[in-house]
Amino acid sequence: MTLTFYVEIALEVLLAATLCYCIVLERRLSAVRKGQEGLSRTIGELNMAIAGAGTSLRALKSAAGKPPPPWTSA
């Protein structure tokens, strides 16, 4: 058994460890991607709810006879 044999064994062990780490990393990244899609959907729904609330607030102020604030586009 020569030095070359031991170097090749060490490289094979390192390659196997790298492969295992890549598998674990891929699983974690896929979980992050799934969470990101859900968060994006939630943010979109929240944005629509905020827009609807702003519209309702302007309608209420208009019904009450108060002018809308200058920063809103009514």
PDB file of N, CA and C in Angstrom:
ATOM      1  N   MET A   1       0.862  -1.178   0.000  1.00  0.00           N
ATOM      2  CA  MET A   1       0.000   0.000   0.000  1.00  0.00           C
ATOM      3  C   MET A   1       0.903   1.234   0.000  1.00  0.00           C
ATOM      4  N   THR A   2       0.675   2.030  -0.990  1.00  0.00           N
ATOM      5  CA  THR A   2       1.530   3.196  -1.162  1.00  0.00           C
ATOM      6  C   THR A   2       0.792   4.463  -0.738  1.00  0.00           C
ATOM      7  N   LEU A   3       1.527   5.528  -0.812  1.00  0.00           N
ATOM      8  CA  LEU A   3       0.976   6.831  -0.448  1.00  0.00           C
ATOM      9  C   LEU A   3      -0.161   7.212  -1.398  1.00  0.00           C
ATOM     10  N   THR A   4      -0.041   6.852  -2.647  1.00  0.00           N
ATOM     11  CA  THR A   4      -1.088   7.154  -3.631  1.00  0.00           C
ATOM     12  C   THR A   4      -2.410   6.510  -3.241  1.00  0.00           C
ATOM     13  N   PHE A   5      -2.345   5.313  -2.756  1.00  0.00           N
ATOM     14  CA  PHE A   5      -3.558   4.609  -2.324  1.00  0.00           C
ATOM     15  C   PHE A   5      -4.255   5.369  -1.203  1.00  0.00           C
ATOM     16  N   TYR A   6      -3.503   5.818  -0.225  1.00  0.00           N
ATOM     17  CA  TYR A   6      -4.083   6.543   0.902  1.00  0.00           C
ATOM     18  C   TYR A   6      -4.648   7.901   0.466  1.00  0.00           C
ATOM     19  N   VAL A   7      -3.989   8.556  -0.459  1.00  0.00           N
ATOM     20  CA  VAL A   7      -4.487   9.837  -0.967  1.00  0.00           C
ATOM     21  C   VAL A   7      -5.812   9.623  -1.704  1.00  0.00           C
ATOM     22  N   GLU A   8      -5.893   8.555  -2.503  1.00  0.00           N
ATOM     23  CA  GLU A   8      -7.132   8.264  -3.218  1.00  0.00           C
ATOM     24  C   GLU A   8      -8.268   7.923  -2.256  1.00  0.00           C
ATOM     25  N   ILE A   9      -7.978   7.185  -1.210  1.00  0.00           N
ATOM     26  CA  ILE A   9      -8.992   6.861  -0.200  1.00  0.00           C
ATOM     27  C   ILE A   9      -9.477   8.144   0.479  1.00  0.00           C
ATOM     28  N   ALA A  10      -8.555   9.031   0.836  1.00  0.00           N
ATOM     29  CA  ALA A  10      -8.919  10.293   1.476  1.00  0.00           C
ATOM     30  C   ALA A  10      -9.792  11.133   0.547  1.00  0.00           C
ATOM     31  N   LEU A  11      -9.449  11.174  -0.736  1.00  0.00           N
ATOM     32  CA  LEU A  11     -10.253  11.929  -1.697  1.00  0.00           C
ATOM     33  C   LEU A  11     -11.643  11.331  -1.864  1.00  0.00           C
ATOM     34  N   GLU A  12     -11.753  10.017  -1.847  1.00  0.00           N
ATOM     35  CA  GLU A  12     -13.057   9.370  -1.946  1.00  0.00           C
ATOM     36  C   GLU A  12     -13.927   9.688  -0.733  1.00  0.00           C
ATOM     37  N   VAL A  13     -13.333   9.703   0.433  1.00  0.00           N
ATOM     38  CA  VAL A  13     -14.077  10.041   1.655  1.00  0.00           C
ATOM     39  C   VAL A  13     -14.554  11.496   1.591  1.00  0.00           C
ATOM     40  N   LEU A  14     -13.675  12.392   1.152  1.00  0.00           N
ATOM     41  CA  LEU A  14     -14.061  13.797   1.032  1.00  0.00           C
ATOM     42  C   LEU A  14     -15.156  13.987  -0.017  1.00  0.00           C
ATOM     43  N   LEU A  15     -15.078  13.262  -1.110  1.00  0.00           N
ATOM     44  CA  LEU A  15     -16.104  13.340  -2.141  1.00  0.00           C
ATOM     45  C   LEU A  15     -17.458  12.841  -1.622  1.00  0.00           C
ATOM     46  N   ALA A  16     -17.442  11.762  -0.860  1.00  0.00           N
ATOM     47  CA  ALA A  16     -18.680  11.233  -0.284  1.00  0.00           C
ATOM     48  C   ALA A  16     -19.279  12.233   0.708  1.00  0.00           C
ATOM     49  N   ALA A  17     -18.436  12.854   1.520  1.00  0.00           N
ATOM     50  CA  ALA A  17     -18.924  13.856   2.473  1.00  0.00           C
ATOM     51  C   ALA A  17     -19.520  15.058   1.739  1.00  0.00           C
ATOM     52  N   THR A  18     -18.875  15.473   0.656  1.00  0.00           N
ATOM     53  CA  THR A  18     -19.386  16.588  -0.133  1.00  0.00           C
ATOM     54  C   THR A  18     -20.730  16.245  -0.750  1.00  0.00           C
ATOM     55  N   LEU A  19     -20.862  15.039  -1.250  1.00  0.00           N
ATOM     56  CA  LEU A  19     -22.128  14.595  -1.837  1.00  0.00           C
ATOM     57  C   LEU A  19     -23.251  14.595  -0.800  1.00  0.00           C
ATOM     58  N   CYS A  20     -22.966  14.097   0.382  1.00  0.00           N
ATOM     59  CA  CYS A  20     -23.980  14.097   1.454  1.00  0.00           C
ATOM     60  C   CYS A  20     -24.377  15.518   1.830  1.00  0.00           C
ATOM     61  N   TYR A  21     -23.392  16.402   1.925  1.00  0.00           N
ATOM     62  CA  TYR A  21     -23.698  17.787   2.269  1.00  0.00           C
ATOM     63  C   TYR A  21     -24.544  18.446   1.187  1.00  0.00           C
ATOM     64  N   CYS A  22     -24.268  18.154  -0.071  1.00  0.00           N
ATOM     65  CA  CYS A  22     -25.066  18.716  -1.165  1.00  0.00           C
ATOM     66  C   CYS A  22     -26.516  18.242  -1.097  1.00  0.00           C
ATOM     67  N   ILE A  23     -26.726  16.999  -0.731  1.00  0.00           N
ATOM     68  CA  ILE A  23     -28.084  16.474  -0.599  1.00  0.00           C
ATOM     69  C   ILE A  23     -28.832  17.202   0.518  1.00  0.00           C
ATOM     70  N   VAL A  24     -28.182  17.379   1.646  1.00  0.00           N
ATOM     71  CA  VAL A  24     -28.800  18.089   2.773  1.00  0.00           C
ATOM     72  C   VAL A  24     -29.097  19.535   2.394  1.00  0.00           C
ATOM     73  N   LEU A  25     -28.152  20.174   1.720  1.00  0.00           N
ATOM     74  CA  LEU A  25     -28.328  21.567   1.315  1.00  0.00           C
ATOM     75  C   LEU A  25     -29.474  21.718   0.327  1.00  0.00           C
ATOM     76  N   GLU A  26     -29.614  20.794  -0.611  1.00  0.00           N
ATOM     77  CA  GLU A  26     -30.720  20.841  -1.570  1.00  0.00           C
ATOM     78  C   GLU A  26     -32.065  20.724  -0.867  1.00  0.00           C
ATOM     79  N   ARG A  27     -32.164  19.867   0.129  1.00  0.00           N
ATOM     80  CA  ARG A  27     -33.421  19.737   0.884  1.00  0.00           C
ATOM     81  C   ARG A  27     -33.758  21.025   1.619  1.00  0.00           C
ATOM     82  N   ARG A  28     -32.754  21.644   2.220  1.00  0.00           N
ATOM     83  CA  ARG A  28     -33.006  22.893   2.942  1.00  0.00           C
ATOM     84  C   ARG A  28     -33.407  24.015   1.992  1.00  0.00           C
ATOM     85  N   LEU A  29     -32.760  24.091   0.840  1.00  0.00           N
ATOM     86  CA  LEU A  29     -33.095  25.125  -0.132  1.00  0.00           C
ATOM     87  C   LEU A  29     -34.499  24.946  -0.692  1.00  0.00           C
ATOM     88  N   SER A  30     -34.906  23.712  -0.907  1.00  0.00           N
ATOM     89  CA  SER A  30     -36.270  23.492  -1.404  1.00  0.00           C
ATOM     90  C   SER A  30     -37.299  23.898  -0.354  1.00  0.00           C
ATOM     91  N   ALA A  31     -36.992  23.674   0.920  1.00  0.00           N
ATOM     92  CA  ALA A  31     -37.900  24.115   1.982  1.00  0.00           C
ATOM     93  C   ALA A  31     -37.984  25.645   2.024  1.00  0.00           C
ATOM     94  N   VAL A  32     -36.867  26.312   1.811  1.00  0.00           N
ATOM     95  CA  VAL A  32     -36.868  27.786   1.795  1.00  0.00           C
ATOM     96  C   VAL A  32     -37.683  28.292   0.611  1.00  0.00           C
ATOM     97  N   ARG A  33     -37.541  27.661  -0.545  1.00  0.00           N
ATOM     98  CA  ARG A  33     -38.307  28.080  -1.727  1.00  0.00           C
ATOM     99  C   ARG A  33     -39.806  27.928  -1.498  1.00  0.00           C
ATOM    100  N   LYS A  34     -40.209  26.837  -0.864  1.00  0.00           N
ATOM    101  CA  LYS A  34     -41.637  26.643  -0.577  1.00  0.00           C
ATOM    102  C   LYS A  34     -42.146  27.723   0.363  1.00  0.00           C
ATOM    103  N   GLY A  35     -41.365  28.038   1.377  1.00  0.00           N
ATOM    104  CA  GLY A  35     -41.746  29.093   2.316  1.00  0.00           C
ATOM    105  C   GLY A  35     -41.812  30.451   1.651  1.00  0.00           C
ATOM    106  N   GLN A  36     -40.918  30.685   0.701  1.00  0.00           N
ATOM    107  CA  GLN A  36     -40.889  31.961  -0.002  1.00  0.00           C
ATOM    108  C   GLN A  36     -42.135  32.124  -0.874  1.00  0.00           C
ATOM    109  N   GLU A  37     -42.585  31.059  -1.507  1.00  0.00           N
ATOM    110  CA  GLU A  37     -43.796  31.133  -2.329  1.00  0.00           C
ATOM    111  C   GLU A  37     -45.013  31.462  -1.466  1.00  0.00           C
ATOM    112  N   GLY A  38     -45.119  30.832  -0.316  1.00  0.00           N
ATOM    113  CA  GLY A  38     -46.231  31.112   0.592  1.00  0.00           C
ATOM    114  C   GLY A  38     -46.194  32.535   1.104  1.00  0.00           C
ATOM    115  N   LEU A  39     -45.007  33.017   1.413  1.00  0.00           N
ATOM    116  CA  LEU A  39     -44.861  34.386   1.905  1.00  0.00           C
ATOM    117  C   LEU A  39     -45.229  35.385   0.811  1.00  0.00           C
ATOM    118  N   SER A  40     -44.837  35.111  -0.411  1.00  0.00           N
ATOM    119  CA  SER A  40     -45.175  35.990  -1.525  1.00  0.00           C
ATOM    120  C   SER A  40     -46.691  36.070  -1.712  1.00  0.00           C
ATOM    121  N   ARG A  41     -47.353  34.941  -1.616  1.00  0.00           N
ATOM    122  CA  ARG A  41     -48.814  34.910  -1.752  1.00  0.00           C
ATOM    123  C   ARG A  41     -49.466  35.702  -0.613  1.00  0.00           C
ATOM    124  N   THR A  42     -48.968  35.536   0.604  1.00  0.00           N
ATOM    125  CA  THR A  42     -49.515  36.256   1.760  1.00  0.00           C
ATOM    126  C   THR A  42     -49.322  37.757   1.617  1.00  0.00           C
ATOM    127  N   ILE A  43     -48.166  38.175   1.127  1.00  0.00           N
ATOM    128  CA  ILE A  43     -47.906  39.606   0.936  1.00  0.00           C
ATOM    129  C   ILE A  43     -48.841  40.178  -0.115  1.00  0.00           C
ATOM    130  N   GLY A  44     -49.094  39.424  -1.186  1.00  0.00           N
ATOM    131  CA  GLY A  44     -50.036  39.883  -2.209  1.00  0.00           C
ATOM    132  C   GLY A  44     -51.431  40.063  -1.657  1.00  0.00           C
ATOM    133  N   GLU A  45     -51.882  39.119  -0.840  1.00  0.00           N
ATOM    134  CA  GLU A  45     -53.208  39.233  -0.228  1.00  0.00           C
ATOM    135  C   GLU A  45     -53.276  40.412   0.733  1.00  0.00           C
ATOM    136  N   LEU A  46     -52.204  40.620   1.479  1.00  0.00           N
ATOM    137  CA  LEU A  46     -52.161  41.749   2.406  1.00  0.00           C
ATOM    138  C   LEU A  46     -52.191  43.072   1.648  1.00  0.00           C
ATOM    139  N   ASN A  47     -51.487  43.138   0.540  1.00  0.00           N
ATOM    140  CA  ASN A  47     -51.485  44.350  -0.268  1.00  0.00           C
ATOM    141  C   ASN A  47     -52.876  44.654  -0.799  1.00  0.00           C
ATOM    142  N   MET A  48     -53.589  43.626  -1.255  1.00  0.00           N
ATOM    143  CA  MET A  48     -54.955  43.835  -1.733  1.00  0.00           C
ATOM    144  C   MET A  48     -55.873  44.283  -0.600  1.00  0.00           C
ATOM    145  N   ALA A  49     -55.688  43.723   0.585  1.00  0.00           N
ATOM    146  CA  ALA A  49     -56.513  44.118   1.730  1.00  0.00           C
ATOM    147  C   ALA A  49     -56.251  45.568   2.126  1.00  0.00           C
ATOM    148  N   ILE A  50     -54.990  45.981   2.064  1.00  0.00           N
ATOM    149  CA  ILE A  50     -54.654  47.368   2.400  1.00  0.00           C
ATOM    150  C   ILE A  50     -55.260  48.319   1.382  1.00  0.00           C
ATOM    151  N   ALA A  51     -55.199  47.951   0.107  1.00  0.00           N
ATOM    152  CA  ALA A  51     -55.792  48.802  -0.934  1.00  0.00           C
ATOM    153  C   ALA A  51     -57.310  48.913  -0.726  1.00  0.00           C
ATOM    154  N   GLY A  52     -57.947  47.799  -0.404  1.00  0.00           N
ATOM    155  CA  GLY A  52     -59.390  47.829  -0.142  1.00  0.00           C
ATOM    156  C   GLY A  52     -59.731  48.669   1.071  1.00  0.00           C
ATOM    157  N   ALA A  53     -58.915  48.586   2.102  1.00  0.00           N
ATOM    158  CA  ALA A  53     -59.160  49.390   3.306  1.00  0.00           C
ATOM    159  C   ALA A  53     -58.995  50.875   3.003  1.00  0.00           C
ATOM    160  N   GLY A  54     -58.005  51.211   2.173  1.00  0.00           N
ATOM    161  CA  GLY A  54     -57.817  52.618   1.791  1.00  0.00           C
ATOM    162  C   GLY A  54     -58.996  53.152   1.008  1.00  0.00           C
ATOM    163  N   THR A  55     -59.512  52.339   0.107  1.00  0.00           N
ATOM    164  CA  THR A  55     -60.684  52.738  -0.669  1.00  0.00           C
ATOM    165  C   THR A  55     -61.891  52.935   0.243  1.00  0.00           C
ATOM    166  N   SER A  56     -62.080  52.020   1.173  1.00  0.00           N
ATOM    167  CA  SER A  56     -63.204  52.137   2.111  1.00  0.00           C
ATOM    168  C   SER A  56     -63.061  53.367   2.990  1.00  0.00           C
ATOM    169  N   LEU A  57     -61.859  53.665   3.416  1.00  0.00           N
ATOM    170  CA  LEU A  57     -61.626  54.835   4.259  1.00  0.00           C
ATOM    171  C   LEU A  57     -61.933  56.122   3.500  1.00  0.00           C
ATOM    172  N   ARG A  58     -61.505  56.201   2.235  1.00  0.00           N
ATOM    173  CA  ARG A  58     -61.820  57.385   1.434  1.00  0.00           C
ATOM    174  C   ARG A  58     -63.326  57.518   1.227  1.00  0.00           C
ATOM    175  N   ALA A  59     -64.023  56.398   1.024  1.00  0.00           N
ATOM    176  CA  ALA A  59     -65.478  56.436   0.849  1.00  0.00           C
ATOM    177  C   ALA A  59     -66.164  56.909   2.132  1.00  0.00           C
ATOM    178  N   LEU A  60     -65.693  56.448   3.284  1.00  0.00           N
ATOM    179  CA  LEU A  60     -66.276  56.877   4.555  1.00  0.00           C
ATOM    180  C   LEU A  60     -66.056  58.367   4.797  1.00  0.00           C
ATOM    181  N   LYS A  61     -64.849  58.848   4.489  1.00  0.00           N
ATOM    182  CA  LYS A  61     -64.580  60.273   4.681  1.00  0.00           C
ATOM    183  C   LYS A  61     -65.411  61.110   3.721  1.00  0.00           C
ATOM    184  N   SER A  62     -65.583  60.598   2.509  1.00  0.00           N
ATOM    185  CA  SER A  62     -66.411  61.316   1.539  1.00  0.00           C
ATOM    186  C   SER A  62     -67.863  61.365   2.011  1.00  0.00           C
ATOM    187  N   ALA A  63     -68.343  60.269   2.570  1.00  0.00           N
ATOM    188  CA  ALA A  63     -69.721  60.229   3.067  1.00  0.00           C
ATOM    189  C   ALA A  63     -69.900  61.133   4.276  1.00  0.00           C
ATOM    190  N   ALA A  64     -68.836  61.302   5.040  1.00  0.00           N
ATOM    191  CA  ALA A  64     -68.911  62.157   6.223  1.00  0.00           C
ATOM    192  C   ALA A  64     -68.758  63.634   5.860  1.00  0.00           C
ATOM    193  N   GLY A  65     -68.372  63.927   4.629  1.00  0.00           N
ATOM    194  CA  GLY A  65     -68.246  65.314   4.202  1.00  0.00           C
ATOM    195  C   GLY A  65     -66.873  65.905   4.433  1.00  0.00           C
ATOM    196  N   LYS A  66     -65.916  65.106   4.829  1.00  0.00           N
ATOM    197  CA  LYS A  66     -64.567  65.619   5.036  1.00  0.00           C
ATOM    198  C   LYS A  66     -63.745  65.421   3.760  1.00  0.00           C
ATOM    199  N   PRO A  67     -62.905  66.386   3.411  1.00  0.00           N
ATOM    200  CA  PRO A  67     -62.058  66.194   2.234  1.00  0.00           C
ATOM    201  C   PRO A  67     -60.969  65.144   2.539  1.00  0.00           C
ATOM    202  N   PRO A  68     -60.571  64.375   1.529  1.00  0.00           N
ATOM    203  CA  PRO A  68     -59.525  63.376   1.771  1.00  0.00           C
ATOM    204  C   PRO A  68     -58.188  64.059   2.008  1.00  0.00           C
ATOM    205  N   PRO A  69     -57.286  63.403   2.678  1.00  0.00           N
ATOM    206  CA  PRO A  69     -55.965  64.000   2.911  1.00  0.00           C
ATOM    207  C   PRO A  69     -55.244  64.240   1.582  1.00  0.00           C
ATOM    208  N   PRO A  70     -54.334  65.208   1.552  1.00  0.00           N
ATOM    209  CA  PRO A  70     -53.683  65.571   0.289  1.00  0.00           C
ATOM    210  C   PRO A  70     -52.783  64.477  -0.284  1.00  0.00           C
ATOM    211  N   TRP A  71     -52.315  63.525   0.517  1.00  0.00           N
ATOM    212  CA  TRP A  71     -51.403  62.487   0.013  1.00  0.00           C
ATOM    213  C   TRP A  71     -52.135  61.319  -0.644  1.00  0.00           C
ATOM    214  N   THR A  72     -53.469  61.296  -0.579  1.00  0.00           N
ATOM    215  CA  THR A  72     -54.211  60.226  -1.231  1.00  0.00           C
ATOM    216  C   THR A  72     -54.687  60.719  -2.596  1.00  0.00           C
ATOM    217  N   SER A  73     -54.869  59.794  -3.494  1.00  0.00           N
ATOM    218  CA  SER A  73     -55.340  60.160  -4.834  1.00  0.00           C
ATOM    219  C   SER A  73     -56.822  59.823  -4.931  1.00  0.00           C
ATOM    220  N   ALA A  74     -57.647  60.755  -4.564  1.00  0.00           N
ATOM    221  CA  ALA A  74     -59.095  60.521  -4.581  1.00  0.00           C
ATOM    222  C   ALA A  74     -59.735  61.341  -5.671  1.00  0.00           C
TER     223      ALA A  74
END
